[in-house]
Protein backbone atom coordinates (compact mmCIF):
# COMPACT_ATOMS: atom_id res chain seq x y z
CA MET A 1 -55.61 -1.96 65.12
CA GLN A 2 -57.69 -4.34 67.24
CA VAL A 3 -58.19 -7.93 66.06
CA PHE A 4 -59.63 -9.01 69.40
CA ASN A 5 -61.65 -6.88 71.80
CA PHE A 6 -61.83 -8.62 75.16
CA THR A 7 -64.00 -7.19 77.92
CA GLN A 8 -62.12 -9.34 80.43
CA PRO A 9 -58.95 -11.47 80.27
CA ALA A 10 -59.31 -14.79 78.44
CA ASN A 11 -58.57 -17.87 80.50
CA PHE A 12 -55.64 -19.20 78.47
CA MET A 13 -54.05 -21.04 81.38
CA ARG A 14 -57.17 -23.13 81.81
CA TYR A 15 -55.73 -25.43 79.13
CA LYS A 16 -52.10 -25.31 80.25
CA TRP A 17 -51.84 -29.03 81.02
CA LEU A 18 -53.45 -29.96 77.71
CA ALA A 19 -51.10 -27.63 75.84
CA VAL A 20 -48.01 -28.94 77.63
CA SER A 21 -49.09 -32.55 77.05
CA VAL A 22 -49.67 -32.00 73.33
CA SER A 23 -46.34 -30.18 72.99
CA VAL A 24 -44.45 -32.97 74.78
CA LEU A 25 -46.08 -35.55 72.50
CA LEU A 26 -45.21 -33.57 69.37
CA VAL A 27 -41.61 -33.00 70.50
CA LEU A 28 -41.11 -36.69 71.27
CA SER A 29 -42.61 -37.64 67.89
CA SER A 30 -40.32 -35.18 66.12
CA LEU A 31 -37.26 -36.52 67.92
CA MET A 32 -38.28 -40.06 66.98
CA LEU A 33 -38.62 -39.04 63.34
CA LEU A 34 -35.21 -37.35 63.40
CA ALA A 35 -33.67 -40.46 64.98
CA THR A 36 -35.26 -42.95 62.55
CA ARG A 37 -35.75 -41.10 59.26
CA GLY A 38 -33.33 -38.24 59.73
CA LEU A 39 -33.24 -35.16 57.53
CA ASN A 40 -33.15 -35.15 53.76
CA TRP A 41 -29.85 -33.30 53.54
CA GLY A 42 -29.39 -31.18 50.44
CA LEU A 43 -26.29 -31.28 48.31
CA ASP A 44 -25.04 -28.23 50.21
CA PHE A 45 -24.30 -30.62 53.06
CA THR A 46 -23.73 -34.00 51.40
CA GLY A 47 -21.78 -32.97 48.33
CA GLY A 48 -22.73 -33.70 44.72
CA THR A 49 -23.84 -31.97 41.54
CA VAL A 50 -26.87 -29.86 40.71
CA ILE A 51 -27.82 -29.56 37.03
CA GLU A 52 -30.60 -27.37 35.69
CA VAL A 53 -31.86 -28.04 32.15
CA ALA A 54 -34.58 -26.34 30.09
CA PHE A 55 -37.03 -28.17 27.81
CA GLN A 56 -38.88 -26.65 24.90
CA GLN A 57 -42.13 -28.15 26.15
CA ALA A 58 -43.48 -29.64 29.38
CA ALA A 59 -40.95 -32.16 30.69
CA ASN A 60 -41.85 -35.78 31.40
CA LEU A 61 -40.09 -36.46 34.70
CA VAL A 62 -40.65 -40.22 34.49
CA GLN A 63 -38.94 -40.32 31.12
CA VAL A 64 -36.07 -38.17 32.41
CA ARG A 65 -35.54 -40.55 35.35
CA GLU A 66 -35.52 -43.57 33.03
CA VAL A 67 -32.93 -41.95 30.76
CA LEU A 68 -30.69 -41.05 33.70
CA ALA A 69 -31.02 -44.55 35.19
CA GLY A 70 -29.98 -46.02 31.86
CA ALA A 71 -26.97 -43.68 31.83
CA GLY A 72 -25.86 -44.94 35.25
CA TYR A 73 -27.45 -42.30 37.49
CA ALA A 74 -30.26 -44.29 39.09
CA ASP A 75 -29.96 -42.33 42.36
CA ALA A 76 -30.48 -38.95 40.68
CA VAL A 77 -33.26 -36.76 42.11
CA VAL A 78 -35.36 -35.16 39.36
CA GLN A 79 -37.93 -32.41 39.97
CA LEU A 80 -39.53 -29.45 38.29
CA PHE A 81 -37.90 -26.12 39.04
CA GLY A 82 -40.28 -23.18 38.85
CA SER A 83 -42.07 -24.21 35.64
CA SER A 84 -43.02 -27.36 33.72
CA GLN A 85 -40.18 -26.73 31.24
CA ASP A 86 -37.36 -26.32 33.78
CA VAL A 87 -35.99 -29.46 35.43
CA LEU A 88 -33.55 -29.68 38.32
CA ILE A 89 -31.39 -32.80 38.53
CA ARG A 90 -29.48 -33.59 41.72
CA ILE A 91 -26.85 -36.29 41.55
CA PRO A 92 -25.18 -37.36 44.81
CA LEU A 93 -21.43 -37.55 45.02
CA GLN A 94 -20.10 -40.65 43.25
CA GLN A 95 -16.65 -42.10 43.65
CA GLY A 96 -14.54 -42.48 40.52
CA LEU A 97 -16.70 -40.06 38.52
CA ALA A 98 -15.31 -36.87 36.99
CA GLN A 99 -17.75 -34.29 38.30
CA THR A 100 -16.56 -31.66 35.84
CA GLN A 101 -17.75 -33.82 32.92
CA LEU A 102 -21.02 -34.79 34.54
CA GLY A 103 -23.01 -31.90 33.04
CA SER A 104 -22.06 -32.69 29.46
CA THR A 105 -22.67 -36.42 30.04
CA VAL A 106 -26.17 -35.87 31.44
CA LEU A 107 -27.05 -33.30 28.79
CA GLY A 108 -25.84 -35.65 26.06
CA ALA A 109 -28.02 -38.50 27.31
CA LEU A 110 -31.10 -36.24 27.48
CA THR A 111 -30.62 -34.65 24.05
CA GLN A 112 -30.02 -38.00 22.37
CA GLN A 113 -32.98 -39.84 23.87
CA ILE A 114 -35.58 -37.14 24.56
CA ASP A 115 -35.14 -33.84 22.73
CA PRO A 116 -32.05 -32.38 20.98
CA LEU A 117 -33.20 -28.86 21.87
CA ILE A 118 -32.74 -29.38 25.63
CA SER A 119 -30.33 -26.73 26.96
CA LEU A 120 -28.10 -26.62 30.00
CA GLN A 121 -28.96 -23.67 32.25
CA ARG A 122 -26.47 -24.13 35.09
CA ILE A 123 -24.36 -26.70 36.88
CA GLU A 124 -23.04 -26.53 40.45
CA PHE A 125 -20.68 -28.88 42.22
CA VAL A 126 -20.16 -29.19 45.98
CA GLY A 127 -17.24 -31.30 47.18
CA PRO A 128 -17.56 -33.75 50.09
CA SER A 129 -15.27 -31.79 52.39
CA VAL A 130 -17.17 -28.57 51.73
CA GLY A 131 -20.50 -30.28 52.42
CA ALA A 132 -19.28 -31.81 55.67
CA GLY A 133 -17.85 -28.47 56.75
CA LEU A 134 -21.14 -26.71 56.04
CA LYS A 135 -23.05 -29.30 58.07
CA GLN A 136 -20.71 -28.84 61.03
CA ASP A 137 -20.78 -25.05 60.79
CA GLY A 138 -24.57 -25.07 60.53
CA GLY A 139 -24.89 -27.16 63.68
CA LEU A 140 -22.49 -24.85 65.52
CA ALA A 141 -24.47 -21.81 64.37
CA LEU A 142 -27.67 -23.25 65.84
CA LEU A 143 -25.90 -24.17 69.07
CA VAL A 144 -24.29 -20.75 69.50
CA ALA A 145 -27.60 -19.00 68.81
CA LEU A 146 -29.40 -21.10 71.41
CA LEU A 147 -26.65 -20.60 74.01
CA GLY A 148 -26.58 -16.86 73.41
CA ILE A 149 -30.33 -16.60 73.87
CA LEU A 150 -30.13 -18.80 76.98
CA LEU A 151 -27.59 -16.41 78.50
CA TYR A 152 -29.68 -13.35 77.58
CA VAL A 153 -32.97 -14.57 79.05
CA THR A 154 -31.18 -15.87 82.15
CA LEU A 155 -29.82 -12.39 82.86
CA ARG A 156 -33.09 -10.64 82.07
CA PHE A 157 -35.77 -12.82 83.69
CA GLU A 158 -36.41 -14.92 86.76
CA TRP A 159 -35.23 -18.52 86.23
CA ARG A 160 -38.74 -19.97 85.76
CA LEU A 161 -39.47 -17.54 82.96
CA SER A 162 -36.01 -18.11 81.48
CA LEU A 163 -36.46 -21.87 81.46
CA GLY A 164 -39.91 -21.51 79.92
CA ALA A 165 -38.53 -19.29 77.13
CA VAL A 166 -35.66 -21.65 76.30
CA LEU A 167 -37.88 -24.75 76.33
CA ALA A 168 -40.42 -23.01 74.09
CA LEU A 169 -37.62 -22.06 71.71
CA GLY A 170 -36.36 -25.65 71.58
CA HIS A 171 -39.96 -26.76 71.06
CA ASP A 172 -40.28 -24.55 67.95
CA VAL A 173 -36.99 -25.66 66.40
CA ILE A 174 -37.56 -29.38 67.05
CA LEU A 175 -41.09 -29.33 65.61
CA THR A 176 -39.85 -27.52 62.48
CA LEU A 177 -37.08 -30.07 61.99
CA GLY A 178 -39.62 -32.83 62.63
CA LEU A 179 -41.83 -31.50 59.83
CA PHE A 180 -38.91 -31.63 57.39
CA SER A 181 -38.09 -35.16 58.53
CA LEU A 182 -41.72 -36.31 58.23
CA LEU A 183 -42.22 -34.91 54.72
CA GLN A 184 -38.58 -35.56 53.72
CA LEU A 185 -38.29 -32.01 52.44
CA GLU A 186 -34.80 -31.08 51.38
CA PHE A 187 -32.79 -29.42 54.15
CA ASP A 188 -30.26 -27.05 52.61
CA LEU A 189 -28.56 -23.79 53.56
CA THR A 190 -31.68 -21.71 52.91
CA VAL A 191 -33.67 -23.85 55.36
CA LEU A 192 -30.89 -23.52 57.93
CA ALA A 193 -31.10 -19.74 57.51
CA ALA A 194 -34.88 -19.97 58.07
CA VAL A 195 -34.38 -21.94 61.31
CA LEU A 196 -31.92 -19.32 62.58
CA ALA A 197 -34.39 -16.56 61.67
CA LEU A 198 -37.13 -18.49 63.46
CA ILE A 199 -35.05 -18.58 66.65
CA GLY A 200 -34.82 -14.79 66.69
CA TYR A 201 -38.49 -14.30 65.82
CA SER A 202 -39.75 -16.76 68.41
CA ILE A 203 -37.69 -15.45 71.31
CA ASN A 204 -38.69 -11.86 70.51
CA ASP A 205 -42.37 -12.78 70.69
CA THR A 206 -41.85 -14.62 73.98
CA ILE A 207 -39.93 -11.73 75.55
CA VAL A 208 -42.77 -9.30 74.74
CA VAL A 209 -45.22 -11.57 76.57
CA PHE A 210 -42.84 -12.08 79.51
CA ASP A 211 -42.25 -8.35 79.91
CA ARG A 212 -45.98 -7.83 80.21
CA ILE A 213 -46.24 -10.73 82.68
CA ARG A 214 -43.58 -9.10 84.87
CA GLU A 215 -45.37 -5.74 84.73
CA SER A 216 -48.75 -7.33 85.50
CA PHE A 217 -47.39 -9.16 88.55
CA ARG A 218 -46.26 -5.83 90.00
CA LYS A 219 -49.54 -4.01 89.23
CA LEU A 220 -52.26 -6.60 89.93
CA ARG A 221 -51.63 -7.16 93.63
CA ASP A 222 -54.90 -8.98 94.37
CA SER A 223 -54.86 -11.45 91.45
CA SER A 224 -53.54 -15.00 91.48
CA ALA A 225 -50.56 -16.02 89.35
CA GLU A 226 -52.82 -17.70 86.80
CA GLU A 227 -55.11 -14.68 86.53
CA THR A 228 -52.14 -12.35 86.15
CA ILE A 229 -50.62 -14.42 83.33
CA ASN A 230 -54.01 -14.56 81.58
CA HIS A 231 -54.23 -10.77 81.81
CA ALA A 232 -50.72 -10.32 80.40
CA ILE A 233 -51.31 -12.68 77.46
CA THR A 234 -54.67 -11.08 76.67
CA THR A 235 -53.22 -7.56 76.57
CA THR A 236 -50.42 -8.62 74.20
CA LEU A 237 -52.55 -10.92 72.02
CA ASN A 238 -53.43 -8.26 69.45
CA ARG A 239 -49.78 -7.35 69.02
CA THR A 240 -48.77 -11.01 68.73
CA VAL A 241 -51.44 -11.89 66.18
CA ILE A 242 -50.96 -8.79 64.02
CA THR A 243 -47.19 -9.30 63.89
CA SER A 244 -47.61 -12.96 62.95
CA LEU A 245 -50.24 -12.23 60.29
CA THR A 246 -48.19 -9.55 58.54
CA THR A 247 -45.15 -11.83 58.51
CA LEU A 248 -47.22 -14.75 57.21
CA LEU A 249 -48.57 -12.65 54.34
CA VAL A 250 -45.04 -12.00 53.09
CA LEU A 251 -44.08 -15.65 53.51
CA LEU A 252 -47.15 -16.84 51.61
CA VAL A 253 -46.12 -14.68 48.66
CA LEU A 254 -42.61 -16.13 48.83
CA PHE A 255 -44.00 -19.67 49.12
CA TYR A 256 -46.23 -19.46 46.03
CA MET A 257 -44.32 -16.98 43.87
CA GLY A 258 -40.73 -17.07 45.09
CA GLY A 259 -39.66 -20.08 43.06
CA ALA A 260 -38.15 -23.41 44.04
CA LEU A 261 -34.91 -21.94 45.39
CA ILE A 262 -36.58 -20.42 48.46
CA HIS A 263 -39.49 -22.86 48.77
CA GLY A 264 -37.85 -24.63 51.72
CA PHE A 265 -37.01 -21.30 53.36
CA ALA A 266 -40.64 -20.14 53.17
CA THR A 267 -41.97 -23.52 54.32
CA ALA A 268 -39.76 -23.55 57.42
CA LEU A 269 -40.72 -20.02 58.43
CA LEU A 270 -44.43 -20.48 57.71
CA PHE A 271 -44.64 -23.51 59.95
CA GLY A 272 -42.20 -22.12 62.51
CA ILE A 273 -44.05 -18.83 62.99
CA LEU A 274 -47.36 -20.63 63.50
CA VAL A 275 -45.77 -22.92 66.08
CA GLY A 276 -43.85 -20.02 67.63
CA THR A 277 -47.01 -17.95 68.11
CA TYR A 278 -48.67 -20.90 69.85
CA SER A 279 -45.64 -21.55 72.06
CA SER A 280 -45.39 -17.89 73.11
CA VAL A 281 -48.97 -17.98 74.36
CA TYR A 282 -49.12 -21.46 75.85
CA VAL A 283 -45.81 -23.33 76.13
CA ALA A 284 -43.50 -20.67 77.60
CA SER A 285 -46.05 -19.15 80.00
CA ALA A 286 -47.55 -22.52 80.95
CA ILE A 287 -44.14 -23.96 81.83
CA ALA A 288 -43.34 -20.97 84.06
CA LEU A 289 -46.69 -21.37 85.83
CA VAL A 290 -46.26 -25.13 86.24
CA LEU A 291 -42.83 -24.52 87.78
CA GLY A 292 -44.50 -22.44 90.49
CA LEU A 293 -44.02 -18.83 89.40
CA THR A 294 -45.38 -16.43 92.02
CA ARG A 295 -45.60 -12.67 92.46
CA GLU A 296 -42.87 -12.72 95.11
CA ASP A 297 -40.43 -14.07 92.50
CA LEU A 298 -40.81 -10.93 90.38
CA LEU A 299 -41.09 -8.22 93.00
CA VAL A 300 -38.12 -5.91 93.33
CA PRO A 301 -36.55 -6.46 96.76
CA VAL A 302 -36.55 -3.44 99.06
CA ILE A 303 -33.03 -2.57 100.20
CA GLU A 304 -32.78 -0.58 103.37
CA LYS A 305 -30.15 2.12 103.50
CA GLU A 306 -27.36 1.59 105.95
CA GLY A 307 -27.93 3.48 109.19
CA ALA A 308 -31.62 4.00 108.51
CA SER A 309 -33.76 4.01 111.62
CA ASN A 310 -37.47 3.91 112.22
CA ASP A 311 -37.16 5.88 115.46
CA LEU A 312 -38.95 9.19 115.55
CA PRO A 313 -36.80 12.30 116.00
CA LEU A 314 -36.67 13.74 119.53
């Protein structure tokens, strides 16, 4: 299947400085957001109680918040969960409060003041030590994944390509986290799983492009480094776009029809794959070119056999 049909290589590297500049600006903005606003950690990491209740008719979230505030839960987060009748209530961990009785207390306040037919669907409690442990383990998982990929690309590619791949990978992860910080979307275990999946997807796409760059450098002997990289990206562009589009189609279905439980997962991957496709084409390759990648860096050195001689036989 051909999405693009180029008669000659597209000049992607013409905009390398613009792409690198925009990426640096976005990364710095994301880091600033993470430093100032931080992430909206879910109860998986902070500890607390999640209560799901079902109404007989469309729920009035403003009324639900007022009832909970009057019951002493002013910091409760109230949102619809899949439909206008299902409501998800998140109550952060509170000292001196029996979490096991929290569900009946909240349900009692809602049935007395709103509708006696409101039913409790589920209740989940995450302790503070469990939440802190999950946050630490999640950070370690990201770190180990990044270090493992760093080791792999270092062994497989020349150092300029390796550095470009790792920086592009960090670029994708930081921008995704920056989006969640900007919009204050809840960051829970499903989003962490999406970020880990994004790391694998992004590096796979970059490696495909880099393999073609290495092959092109060894075949196109009369082309400059920039022309060779443009040729490699152009020849892999159909594969890159088709792979991204098919993945995005699945994620769009999950985003709109998968329900609230995996909404954050789908959001992280949708944004991450778009950013990852861009970084595979521009960020990773542009960084390698800016660092001075040449054909000589990728040519296989010729090793002369011991005792070999250029003298003609007598």
